[in-house]
Amino acid sequence: MAIGGFPSFVEDMKIFGRERLNGHYGVGAFVVGNTFSSIPYLLMISLIPGVIAYYLVGLHKGFEHFVYFALMLFVCMMLVESLMMIVASIVPDFLMGIITGAGIQGVMMLNGGFFRLPNDLPKPFWRYPMYYIAFHKYANQGFYKNEFQGLTFPNNQAGGPPTITGEEILQNVWQVETGYSKWVDVAILFGMVVLYRLLFLGIIKTVEKVKPMIKGLMVASPEKSKQIIENPPSSPFLHEAKM
C-alpha cells in the first residue's frame, strides 16, 4: 500500500519545493508534519484489515496478542512509507521510483527469513549484512513469537513426545532468535522508522545545498564558452596574413 502511495509522495515533494522556496516553513517542519499527519490513516489501515484477518484466521486468542499484531502492522506500514519517501527524494520520476522501491522491498523480502530460513541463506551479502538490514526479519520474528509462544501443539513426528511447545517450533522449525522478547522486535522497527525519517531529512537538506551549486556550474560553463567564441585567441598565421 505504501508503494502504491508513491505518486502522492512525489506530489508532496513538488509542493514542498515550491513552498520552501517561498520561505513558508523549513525541512524539519515538513518531515515532522508529514509524519504526524499520516499516523491516523496508517492506524486505520492497520486496524480494520487487522481485525478481519486476525479473528477470521483464528490466531492466538487474547487482546494483548491482537494489539501486538495491529501494532506490528502499523510500524511496518510507517517504515515502508518512510522508505518510499527516501526513494521519492532521490528518484522523483514516477515510474523509476516505483521500480526502485519495489526492487528494494523485493530484496528485503527474499532474505527476511520467510521464503528461505536464516541458516540456509548464503552468508556473504545475503546473511551478512542484508538479513539484519531487512525489516522483514524483525517483523516475521515478532509475528512468530506472538503466535507460538505459550502454546502447546500435538507432535506428529514419529518416535517423539506426544506434544511440542511453541518455543521448540520457533527455535527448530522457524529458526527464530528467542533470546529477546517480541517487544524488542517492535522497538527495533520503531528505531528503523526514526532512522529512515532522519535519512529523509538529511537527503532533503543535502539536495537543497547541492542543487544550487550544480545549477551555478551549469550556468557558468555556457557563459565561459560564449566568451571564448566571441573573443578567439589571436593566431600568428592570421597576423602574418594581415602583414
Protein backbone atom coordinates (compact mmCIF):
# COMPACT_ATOMS: atom_id res chain seq x y z
CA MET A 1 0.00 0.00 0.00
CA ALA A 2 2.80 2.43 0.76
CA ILE A 3 4.40 1.67 -2.61
CA GLY A 4 1.05 2.45 -4.24
CA GLY A 5 1.13 5.82 -2.49
CA PHE A 6 4.37 6.80 -4.21
CA PRO A 7 2.66 9.24 -6.66
CA SER A 8 1.29 11.25 -3.72
CA PHE A 9 4.80 11.39 -2.21
CA VAL A 10 6.13 12.83 -5.48
CA GLU A 11 3.39 15.48 -5.49
CA ASP A 12 4.10 16.28 -1.84
CA MET A 13 7.75 16.83 -2.70
CA LYS A 14 6.82 19.20 -5.55
CA ILE A 15 4.51 21.23 -3.28
CA PHE A 16 7.16 21.29 -0.57
CA GLY A 17 9.75 22.52 -3.07
CA ARG A 18 7.58 25.50 -4.09
CA GLU A 19 6.57 26.38 -0.54
CA ARG A 20 10.14 26.01 0.67
CA LEU A 21 11.35 28.48 -1.95
CA ASN A 22 8.71 30.93 -0.73
CA GLY A 23 10.02 30.51 2.81
CA HIS A 24 6.79 29.21 4.36
CA TYR A 25 8.45 26.54 6.54
CA GLY A 26 11.63 24.56 6.93
CA VAL A 27 12.67 21.00 6.18
CA GLY A 28 12.24 19.84 9.77
CA ALA A 29 8.67 21.15 9.96
CA PHE A 30 7.82 19.35 6.71
CA VAL A 31 9.20 16.00 7.89
CA VAL A 32 7.52 16.23 11.32
CA GLY A 33 4.20 17.40 9.84
CA ASN A 34 4.23 14.69 7.18
CA THR A 35 4.95 12.04 9.83
CA PHE A 36 2.17 13.02 12.23
CA SER A 37 -0.41 13.68 9.52
CA SER A 38 -0.04 10.13 8.17
CA ILE A 39 -0.36 8.37 11.55
CA PRO A 40 -4.23 8.32 11.76
CA TYR A 41 -4.56 6.88 8.26
CA LEU A 42 -1.89 4.23 8.83
CA LEU A 43 -3.57 3.26 12.11
CA MET A 44 -6.90 2.87 10.32
CA ILE A 45 -5.32 0.82 7.54
CA SER A 46 -3.68 -1.42 10.15
CA LEU A 47 -6.68 -1.88 12.46
CA ILE A 48 -9.55 -2.54 10.05
CA PRO A 49 -7.91 -5.28 7.92
CA GLY A 50 -6.11 -6.50 11.06
CA VAL A 51 -9.39 -7.20 12.89
CA ILE A 52 -10.81 -9.03 9.88
CA ALA A 53 -7.72 -11.15 9.25
CA TYR A 54 -6.77 -11.89 12.87
CA TYR A 55 -10.05 -13.34 14.09
CA LEU A 56 -11.10 -14.82 10.76
CA VAL A 57 -7.96 -16.98 10.61
CA GLY A 58 -8.20 -17.83 14.30
CA LEU A 59 -4.82 -16.67 15.56
CA HIS A 60 -3.68 -16.65 19.19
CA LYS A 61 -6.65 -15.51 21.29
CA GLY A 62 -6.20 -12.66 23.71
CA PHE A 63 -6.46 -8.89 23.44
CA GLU A 64 -2.74 -8.37 24.11
CA HIS A 65 -1.82 -10.59 21.17
CA PHE A 66 -4.17 -8.70 18.85
CA VAL A 67 -2.78 -5.35 20.00
CA TYR A 68 0.73 -6.58 19.22
CA PHE A 69 -0.42 -7.83 15.80
CA ALA A 70 -2.01 -4.47 14.89
CA LEU A 71 0.95 -2.51 16.30
CA MET A 72 3.40 -4.53 14.23
CA LEU A 73 1.31 -3.90 11.10
CA PHE A 74 1.25 -0.18 11.88
CA VAL A 75 5.02 0.02 12.41
CA CYS A 76 5.68 -1.88 9.17
CA MET A 77 3.35 0.45 7.25
CA MET A 78 5.10 3.52 8.64
CA LEU A 79 8.50 2.03 7.90
CA VAL A 80 7.65 1.25 4.28
CA GLU A 81 6.21 4.75 3.88
CA SER A 82 9.46 6.20 5.24
CA LEU A 83 11.44 4.09 2.80
CA MET A 84 9.33 5.29 -0.13
CA MET A 85 9.76 8.89 0.97
CA ILE A 86 13.52 8.41 0.79
CA VAL A 87 13.13 6.96 -2.71
CA ALA A 88 10.88 9.89 -3.72
CA SER A 89 13.50 12.38 -2.55
CA ILE A 90 16.21 10.68 -4.66
CA VAL A 91 14.22 9.40 -7.68
CA PRO A 92 11.46 11.93 -8.43
CA ASP A 93 10.34 10.14 -11.59
CA PHE A 94 7.08 8.25 -11.03
CA LEU A 95 7.85 5.02 -12.90
CA MET A 96 11.51 4.73 -11.86
CA GLY A 97 10.56 5.47 -8.26
CA ILE A 98 8.04 2.63 -8.10
CA ILE A 99 10.53 0.25 -9.75
CA THR A 100 13.27 1.29 -7.31
CA GLY A 101 11.03 0.99 -4.24
CA ALA A 102 9.61 -2.36 -5.31
CA GLY A 103 13.12 -3.64 -6.04
CA ILE A 104 14.39 -2.67 -2.58
CA GLN A 105 11.34 -4.29 -0.99
CA GLY A 106 11.81 -7.43 -3.07
CA VAL A 107 15.43 -7.84 -1.99
CA MET A 108 14.44 -7.40 1.66
CA MET A 109 11.63 -9.93 1.33
CA LEU A 110 13.95 -12.55 -0.16
CA ASN A 111 16.30 -12.53 2.84
CA GLY A 112 13.78 -11.75 5.60
CA GLY A 113 13.68 -15.36 6.83
CA PHE A 114 10.33 -16.37 5.35
CA PHE A 115 10.99 -17.64 1.83
CA ARG A 116 14.29 -19.14 2.95
CA LEU A 117 15.24 -19.95 6.53
CA PRO A 118 18.03 -17.87 8.08
CA ASN A 119 20.55 -20.73 8.33
CA ASP A 120 20.03 -21.55 4.64
CA LEU A 121 20.87 -18.04 3.42
CA PRO A 122 24.29 -17.62 1.76
CA LYS A 123 26.47 -15.95 4.36
CA PRO A 124 28.22 -13.36 2.20
CA PHE A 125 25.89 -10.46 1.43
CA TRP A 126 22.53 -12.24 1.92
CA ARG A 127 23.05 -13.28 5.56
CA TYR A 128 25.60 -10.65 6.47
CA PRO A 129 24.54 -7.87 6.31
CA MET A 130 21.28 -7.97 4.29
CA TYR A 131 19.42 -10.32 6.65
CA TYR A 132 19.92 -7.89 9.54
CA ILE A 133 19.17 -4.81 7.44
CA ALA A 134 15.84 -6.15 6.13
CA PHE A 135 13.00 -5.07 8.40
CA HIS A 136 11.06 -8.22 7.39
CA LYS A 137 13.38 -10.21 9.69
CA TYR A 138 12.13 -8.42 12.80
CA ALA A 139 8.51 -8.30 11.60
CA ASN A 140 8.41 -12.03 10.88
CA GLN A 141 10.09 -12.94 14.15
CA GLY A 142 7.73 -10.70 16.10
CA PHE A 143 4.67 -12.28 14.47
CA TYR A 144 6.05 -15.79 15.08
CA LYS A 145 6.71 -15.10 18.75
CA ASN A 146 3.30 -13.50 19.19
CA GLU A 147 1.59 -16.60 17.79
CA PHE A 148 3.64 -19.55 19.07
CA GLN A 149 4.98 -18.56 22.49
CA GLY A 150 2.98 -20.05 25.36
CA LEU A 151 1.15 -22.63 23.24
CA THR A 152 1.48 -26.41 23.01
CA PHE A 153 0.76 -28.41 19.85
CA PRO A 154 0.37 -32.14 19.10
CA ASN A 155 3.61 -33.64 17.81
CA ASN A 156 3.26 -35.61 14.56
CA GLN A 157 6.89 -36.75 14.44
CA ALA A 158 7.34 -40.50 14.84
CA GLY A 159 9.16 -41.53 17.99
CA GLY A 160 8.92 -38.08 19.54
CA PRO A 161 6.96 -36.80 22.52
CA PRO A 162 3.19 -36.50 22.14
CA THR A 163 3.29 -32.71 22.32
CA ILE A 164 5.65 -29.96 21.23
CA THR A 165 5.87 -26.43 22.63
CA GLY A 166 5.70 -23.23 20.64
CA GLU A 167 9.21 -22.29 21.76
CA GLU A 168 10.60 -25.52 20.24
CA ILE A 169 8.83 -24.75 16.97
CA LEU A 170 10.29 -21.26 16.94
CA GLN A 171 13.83 -22.49 17.53
CA ASN A 172 13.90 -25.71 15.49
CA VAL A 173 11.43 -25.07 12.65
CA TRP A 174 11.43 -21.31 12.01
CA GLN A 175 14.94 -20.68 13.40
CA VAL A 176 13.76 -17.61 15.31
CA GLU A 177 16.06 -15.78 17.72
CA THR A 178 14.30 -16.34 21.05
CA GLY A 179 16.92 -14.68 23.25
CA TYR A 180 14.90 -11.49 23.47
CA SER A 181 11.24 -10.50 23.77
CA LYS A 182 8.85 -9.90 20.89
CA TRP A 183 8.57 -6.30 22.06
CA VAL A 184 12.24 -5.83 21.25
CA ASP A 185 11.42 -6.57 17.60
CA VAL A 186 8.82 -3.77 17.68
CA ALA A 187 11.34 -1.42 19.29
CA ILE A 188 13.91 -2.21 16.58
CA LEU A 189 11.37 -1.43 13.87
CA PHE A 190 10.45 1.85 15.59
CA GLY A 191 14.15 2.70 15.64
CA MET A 192 14.36 1.97 11.91
CA VAL A 193 11.41 4.31 11.32
CA VAL A 194 13.23 7.11 13.14
CA LEU A 195 16.44 6.34 11.22
CA TYR A 196 14.65 6.40 7.84
CA ARG A 197 12.95 9.71 8.67
CA LEU A 198 16.30 11.22 9.68
CA LEU A 199 17.81 9.96 6.43
CA PHE A 200 14.93 11.59 4.56
CA LEU A 201 15.61 14.85 6.41
CA GLY A 202 19.33 14.66 5.65
CA ILE A 203 18.78 13.93 1.96
CA ILE A 204 16.46 16.92 1.53
CA LYS A 205 18.93 19.24 3.26
CA THR A 206 21.79 17.89 1.14
CA VAL A 207 19.82 18.32 -2.09
CA GLU A 208 19.00 21.92 -1.11
CA LYS A 209 22.71 22.71 -0.79
CA VAL A 210 23.98 20.73 -3.78
CA LYS A 211 21.33 21.72 -6.36
CA PRO A 212 22.24 25.47 -6.43
CA MET A 213 25.92 24.56 -6.81
CA ILE A 214 25.16 22.30 -9.79
CA LYS A 215 22.97 24.96 -11.39
CA GLY A 216 25.69 27.55 -10.85
CA LEU A 217 28.24 25.35 -12.61
CA MET A 218 25.85 24.70 -15.50
CA VAL A 219 25.21 28.44 -15.91
CA ALA A 220 28.90 29.35 -15.68
CA SER A 221 30.01 26.86 -18.33
CA PRO A 222 27.90 28.26 -21.24
CA GLU A 223 28.97 31.84 -20.41
CA LYS A 224 32.61 30.83 -20.50
CA SER A 225 32.25 29.03 -23.81
CA LYS A 226 30.39 32.06 -25.24
CA GLN A 227 33.26 34.39 -24.27
CA ILE A 228 35.77 32.10 -25.96
CA ILE A 229 33.75 32.12 -29.20
CA GLU A 230 33.27 35.92 -29.20
CA ASN A 231 36.93 36.67 -28.38
CA PRO A 232 39.01 33.94 -30.01
CA PRO A 233 42.74 33.99 -29.27
CA SER A 234 44.92 35.67 -31.90
CA SER A 235 46.70 33.32 -34.26
CA PRO A 236 50.24 34.02 -35.65
CA PHE A 237 49.08 32.82 -39.08
CA LEU A 238 46.31 35.44 -39.15
CA HIS A 239 48.83 38.10 -38.08
CA GLU A 240 51.20 37.15 -40.94
CA ALA A 241 48.33 37.23 -43.44
CA LYS A 242 47.44 40.77 -42.35
CA MET A 243 51.09 41.83 -42.78
